[in-house]
Amino acid sequence: MSEHEHIRHGGGSGELVVHMQVNRSNATAGDSGANVAASAMISVLVTHDGVPVDDLGASAGNQTSAIALPAGWTLRDGFNVRPGGSIVTVTEFSNLGGGLYDIRIVPFVDNPASTWLTGEYVYGVQLEVTRTIGGRSFVLRGSALAKLAVL
């Protein structure tokens, strides 16, 4: 029986439940740069079979430079950027425990002209991790979308 067949037949769940919300925090139209004053915050809650998953990466970043997300994390952006708008840069990842994570984002730092524009931005988070359950390895996946409104 393949790994995916085993999951479908009740030998474990291959789904992570991911809840996501974006808080405007300090982000306002015209803000730019890798700094807290220009940042928004993505909050993510991850569970598996109703239990918080709290080992999906250590806290990293100092809020003032670009960082990579931990292995298994993907932030999707840029699929609904307004003309003149920009993609984002992650400047901090925080593991708050209890399955809660924060991702601090700012307008793309490699282009000094990148700023927040008024309007709505949609972001996606995708997770893919391997776990051993009952002596067998499984790939667990989950994803979520959330909207940021910049004023």
C-alpha atoms as a PDB file:
ATOM      1  CA  MET A   1       0.000   0.000   0.000  1.00  0.00           C
ATOM      2  CA  SER A   2       1.463   3.385  -0.967  1.00  0.00           C
ATOM      3  CA  GLU A   3       1.851   6.212   1.512  1.00  0.00           C
ATOM      4  CA  HIS A   4      -1.083   8.101  -0.013  1.00  0.00           C
ATOM      5  CA  GLU A   5      -3.316   4.985  -0.035  1.00  0.00           C
ATOM      6  CA  HIS A   6      -2.483   4.411   3.635  1.00  0.00           C
ATOM      7  CA  ILE A   7      -3.537   7.940   4.489  1.00  0.00           C
ATOM      8  CA  ARG A   8      -6.818   7.606   2.563  1.00  0.00           C
ATOM      9  CA  HIS A   9      -7.652   4.370   4.382  1.00  0.00           C
ATOM     10  CA  GLY A  10      -7.468   5.892   7.852  1.00  0.00           C
ATOM     11  CA  GLY A  11      -3.833   5.167   8.715  1.00  0.00           C
ATOM     12  CA  GLY A  12      -3.202   8.853   9.403  1.00  0.00           C
ATOM     13  CA  SER A  13      -4.142  12.190   7.926  1.00  0.00           C
ATOM     14  CA  GLY A  14      -2.012  13.895   5.304  1.00  0.00           C
ATOM     15  CA  GLU A  15      -3.643  17.257   5.865  1.00  0.00           C
ATOM     16  CA  LEU A  16      -2.441  20.115   7.978  1.00  0.00           C
ATOM     17  CA  VAL A  17      -5.211  22.529   8.883  1.00  0.00           C
ATOM     18  CA  VAL A  18      -3.894  26.037   8.285  1.00  0.00           C
ATOM     19  CA  HIS A  19      -5.698  29.199   9.390  1.00  0.00           C
ATOM     20  CA  MET A  20      -4.293  32.533   8.321  1.00  0.00           C
ATOM     21  CA  GLN A  21      -5.034  36.179   8.953  1.00  0.00           C
ATOM     22  CA  VAL A  22      -3.192  39.315   7.832  1.00  0.00           C
ATOM     23  CA  ASN A  23      -3.014  42.337  10.105  1.00  0.00           C
ATOM     24  CA  ARG A  24      -2.209  45.696   8.516  1.00  0.00           C
ATOM     25  CA  SER A  25      -0.156  46.479  11.604  1.00  0.00           C
ATOM     26  CA  ASN A  26       1.897  49.528  10.579  1.00  0.00           C
ATOM     27  CA  ALA A  27       1.507  49.277   6.783  1.00  0.00           C
ATOM     28  CA  THR A  28      -0.038  52.338   5.164  1.00  0.00           C
ATOM     29  CA  ALA A  29      -0.078  53.550   1.583  1.00  0.00           C
ATOM     30  CA  GLY A  30       3.280  54.997   0.564  1.00  0.00           C
ATOM     31  CA  ASP A  31       5.319  53.076   3.159  1.00  0.00           C
ATOM     32  CA  SER A  32       8.432  51.247   1.999  1.00  0.00           C
ATOM     33  CA  GLY A  33      11.663  49.724   3.247  1.00  0.00           C
ATOM     34  CA  ALA A  34      12.688  46.917   5.565  1.00  0.00           C
ATOM     35  CA  ASN A  35      11.486  48.406   8.822  1.00  0.00           C
ATOM     36  CA  VAL A  36       8.751  47.783  11.365  1.00  0.00           C
ATOM     37  CA  ALA A  37       7.034  51.071  10.505  1.00  0.00           C
ATOM     38  CA  ALA A  38       6.293  49.771   6.976  1.00  0.00           C
ATOM     39  CA  SER A  39       5.372  46.206   7.939  1.00  0.00           C
ATOM     40  CA  ALA A  40       2.267  44.063   7.966  1.00  0.00           C
ATOM     41  CA  MET A  41       1.922  40.818   9.911  1.00  0.00           C
ATOM     42  CA  ILE A  42       0.662  37.449   8.674  1.00  0.00           C
ATOM     43  CA  SER A  43      -0.499  35.214  11.544  1.00  0.00           C
ATOM     44  CA  VAL A  44      -0.794  31.476  10.916  1.00  0.00           C
ATOM     45  CA  LEU A  45      -2.236  28.702  13.095  1.00  0.00           C
ATOM     46  CA  VAL A  46      -1.306  25.125  12.111  1.00  0.00           C
ATOM     47  CA  THR A  47      -2.896  21.945  13.481  1.00  0.00           C
ATOM     48  CA  HIS A  48      -2.808  18.246  12.600  1.00  0.00           C
ATOM     49  CA  ASP A  49      -5.690  16.072  13.768  1.00  0.00           C
ATOM     50  CA  GLY A  50      -6.722  18.964  16.045  1.00  0.00           C
ATOM     51  CA  VAL A  51      -3.321  19.207  17.758  1.00  0.00           C
ATOM     52  CA  PRO A  52      -1.199  22.369  17.353  1.00  0.00           C
ATOM     53  CA  VAL A  53       1.956  21.812  15.279  1.00  0.00           C
ATOM     54  CA  ASP A  54       4.667  23.892  16.925  1.00  0.00           C
ATOM     55  CA  ASP A  55       7.877  22.607  15.318  1.00  0.00           C
ATOM     56  CA  LEU A  56       7.683  24.145  11.849  1.00  0.00           C
ATOM     57  CA  GLY A  57      10.691  26.414  12.179  1.00  0.00           C
ATOM     58  CA  ALA A  58      12.613  28.507  14.654  1.00  0.00           C
ATOM     59  CA  SER A  59      12.131  32.252  14.967  1.00  0.00           C
ATOM     60  CA  ALA A  60      14.421  34.221  12.636  1.00  0.00           C
ATOM     61  CA  GLY A  61      14.963  37.722  11.304  1.00  0.00           C
ATOM     62  CA  ASN A  62      15.549  41.140  12.807  1.00  0.00           C
ATOM     63  CA  GLN A  63      12.718  43.010  11.030  1.00  0.00           C
ATOM     64  CA  THR A  64      15.196  45.088   9.001  1.00  0.00           C
ATOM     65  CA  SER A  65      16.479  42.739   6.271  1.00  0.00           C
ATOM     66  CA  ALA A  66      15.200  39.991   4.007  1.00  0.00           C
ATOM     67  CA  ILE A  67      15.092  36.407   5.292  1.00  0.00           C
ATOM     68  CA  ALA A  68      14.029  33.046   3.892  1.00  0.00           C
ATOM     69  CA  LEU A  69      11.129  31.192   5.476  1.00  0.00           C
ATOM     70  CA  PRO A  70      11.931  27.858   7.170  1.00  0.00           C
ATOM     71  CA  ALA A  71      11.979  24.678   5.117  1.00  0.00           C
ATOM     72  CA  GLY A  72       8.494  23.579   4.123  1.00  0.00           C
ATOM     73  CA  TRP A  73       6.986  27.094   4.152  1.00  0.00           C
ATOM     74  CA  THR A  74       6.036  28.949   0.961  1.00  0.00           C
ATOM     75  CA  LEU A  75       4.533  32.438   0.873  1.00  0.00           C
ATOM     76  CA  ARG A  76       2.593  33.139  -2.326  1.00  0.00           C
ATOM     77  CA  ASP A  77       2.220  36.719  -3.443  1.00  0.00           C
ATOM     78  CA  GLY A  78       2.370  38.688  -6.656  1.00  0.00           C
ATOM     79  CA  PHE A  79      -0.645  37.003  -8.240  1.00  0.00           C
ATOM     80  CA  ASN A  80      -2.901  40.016  -7.676  1.00  0.00           C
ATOM     81  CA  VAL A  81      -0.540  42.991  -7.529  1.00  0.00           C
ATOM     82  CA  ARG A  82      -2.053  46.243  -8.748  1.00  0.00           C
ATOM     83  CA  PRO A  83      -0.277  48.204 -11.487  1.00  0.00           C
ATOM     84  CA  GLY A  84       2.514  50.102  -9.773  1.00  0.00           C
ATOM     85  CA  GLY A  85       2.367  47.803  -6.750  1.00  0.00           C
ATOM     86  CA  SER A  86       4.997  45.321  -5.640  1.00  0.00           C
ATOM     87  CA  ILE A  87       5.553  41.886  -4.240  1.00  0.00           C
ATOM     88  CA  VAL A  88       6.703  41.567  -0.618  1.00  0.00           C
ATOM     89  CA  THR A  89       9.807  40.645   1.340  1.00  0.00           C
ATOM     90  CA  VAL A  90       9.742  38.617   4.561  1.00  0.00           C
ATOM     91  CA  THR A  91      11.773  40.300   7.318  1.00  0.00           C
ATOM     92  CA  GLU A  92      10.827  38.177  10.331  1.00  0.00           C
ATOM     93  CA  PHE A  93       9.466  34.714  11.131  1.00  0.00           C
ATOM     94  CA  SER A  94       8.287  34.074  14.695  1.00  0.00           C
ATOM     95  CA  ASN A  95       7.390  30.715  16.212  1.00  0.00           C
ATOM     96  CA  LEU A  96       5.067  31.742  19.037  1.00  0.00           C
ATOM     97  CA  GLY A  97       4.426  28.164  20.211  1.00  0.00           C
ATOM     98  CA  GLY A  98       1.122  26.338  20.322  1.00  0.00           C
ATOM     99  CA  GLY A  99       1.029  26.103  16.520  1.00  0.00           C
ATOM    100  CA  LEU A 100       1.052  29.907  16.103  1.00  0.00           C
ATOM    101  CA  TYR A 101       3.462  31.642  13.733  1.00  0.00           C
ATOM    102  CA  ASP A 102       3.909  35.255  12.610  1.00  0.00           C
ATOM    103  CA  ILE A 103       5.437  36.349   9.313  1.00  0.00           C
ATOM    104  CA  ARG A 104       6.382  40.041   9.037  1.00  0.00           C
ATOM    105  CA  ILE A 105       6.268  41.409   5.478  1.00  0.00           C
ATOM    106  CA  VAL A 106       7.246  44.711   3.839  1.00  0.00           C
ATOM    107  CA  PRO A 107       7.178  45.943   0.220  1.00  0.00           C
ATOM    108  CA  PHE A 108       9.914  44.330  -1.899  1.00  0.00           C
ATOM    109  CA  VAL A 109      13.204  45.614  -0.479  1.00  0.00           C
ATOM    110  CA  ASP A 110      15.341  45.047  -3.589  1.00  0.00           C
ATOM    111  CA  ASN A 111      13.492  47.884  -5.327  1.00  0.00           C
ATOM    112  CA  PRO A 112      13.566  51.178  -3.374  1.00  0.00           C
ATOM    113  CA  ALA A 113      10.557  52.391  -5.397  1.00  0.00           C
ATOM    114  CA  SER A 114       8.356  49.572  -4.033  1.00  0.00           C
ATOM    115  CA  THR A 115       5.669  50.894  -1.683  1.00  0.00           C
ATOM    116  CA  TRP A 116       2.338  49.800  -0.293  1.00  0.00           C
ATOM    117  CA  LEU A 117      -0.551  51.072  -2.413  1.00  0.00           C
ATOM    118  CA  THR A 118      -4.084  51.522  -1.102  1.00  0.00           C
ATOM    119  CA  GLY A 119      -6.274  48.513  -1.713  1.00  0.00           C
ATOM    120  CA  GLU A 120      -6.439  44.808  -1.036  1.00  0.00           C
ATOM    121  CA  TYR A 121      -3.670  42.255  -1.342  1.00  0.00           C
ATOM    122  CA  VAL A 122      -4.219  38.491  -1.167  1.00  0.00           C
ATOM    123  CA  TYR A 123      -1.527  36.180   0.177  1.00  0.00           C
ATOM    124  CA  GLY A 124      -1.254  32.421   0.399  1.00  0.00           C
ATOM    125  CA  VAL A 125       0.766  30.224   2.705  1.00  0.00           C
ATOM    126  CA  GLN A 126       1.563  26.645   1.732  1.00  0.00           C
ATOM    127  CA  LEU A 127       3.142  24.106   4.074  1.00  0.00           C
ATOM    128  CA  GLU A 128       4.665  20.744   3.276  1.00  0.00           C
ATOM    129  CA  VAL A 129       6.391  18.698   5.996  1.00  0.00           C
ATOM    130  CA  THR A 130       7.294  15.070   6.561  1.00  0.00           C
ATOM    131  CA  ARG A 131       6.201  13.334   9.762  1.00  0.00           C
ATOM    132  CA  THR A 132       6.562   9.822  11.120  1.00  0.00           C
ATOM    133  CA  ILE A 133       3.232   8.503  12.363  1.00  0.00           C
ATOM    134  CA  GLY A 134       3.008   4.968  13.712  1.00  0.00           C
ATOM    135  CA  GLY A 135       6.471   4.174  12.351  1.00  0.00           C
ATOM    136  CA  ARG A 136       5.624   5.330   8.803  1.00  0.00           C
ATOM    137  CA  SER A 137       6.637   8.535   7.055  1.00  0.00           C
ATOM    138  CA  PHE A 138       3.952  10.811   5.677  1.00  0.00           C
ATOM    139  CA  VAL A 139       4.038  14.067   3.769  1.00  0.00           C
ATOM    140  CA  LEU A 140       1.626  16.516   5.409  1.00  0.00           C
ATOM    141  CA  ARG A 141       0.355  19.489   3.433  1.00  0.00           C
ATOM    142  CA  GLY A 142      -1.865  22.460   4.077  1.00  0.00           C
ATOM    143  CA  SER A 143      -2.557  25.922   2.752  1.00  0.00           C
ATOM    144  CA  ALA A 144      -4.595  29.049   3.381  1.00  0.00           C
ATOM    145  CA  LEU A 145      -5.381  32.422   1.804  1.00  0.00           C
ATOM    146  CA  ALA A 146      -5.921  35.751   3.541  1.00  0.00           C
ATOM    147  CA  LYS A 147      -6.450  39.350   2.562  1.00  0.00           C
ATOM    148  CA  LEU A 148      -4.595  42.502   3.605  1.00  0.00           C
ATOM    149  CA  ALA A 149      -6.306  45.886   3.257  1.00  0.00           C
ATOM    150  CA  VAL A 150      -3.915  48.829   3.057  1.00  0.00           C
ATOM    151  CA  LEU A 151      -5.362  52.269   3.682  1.00  0.00           C
END
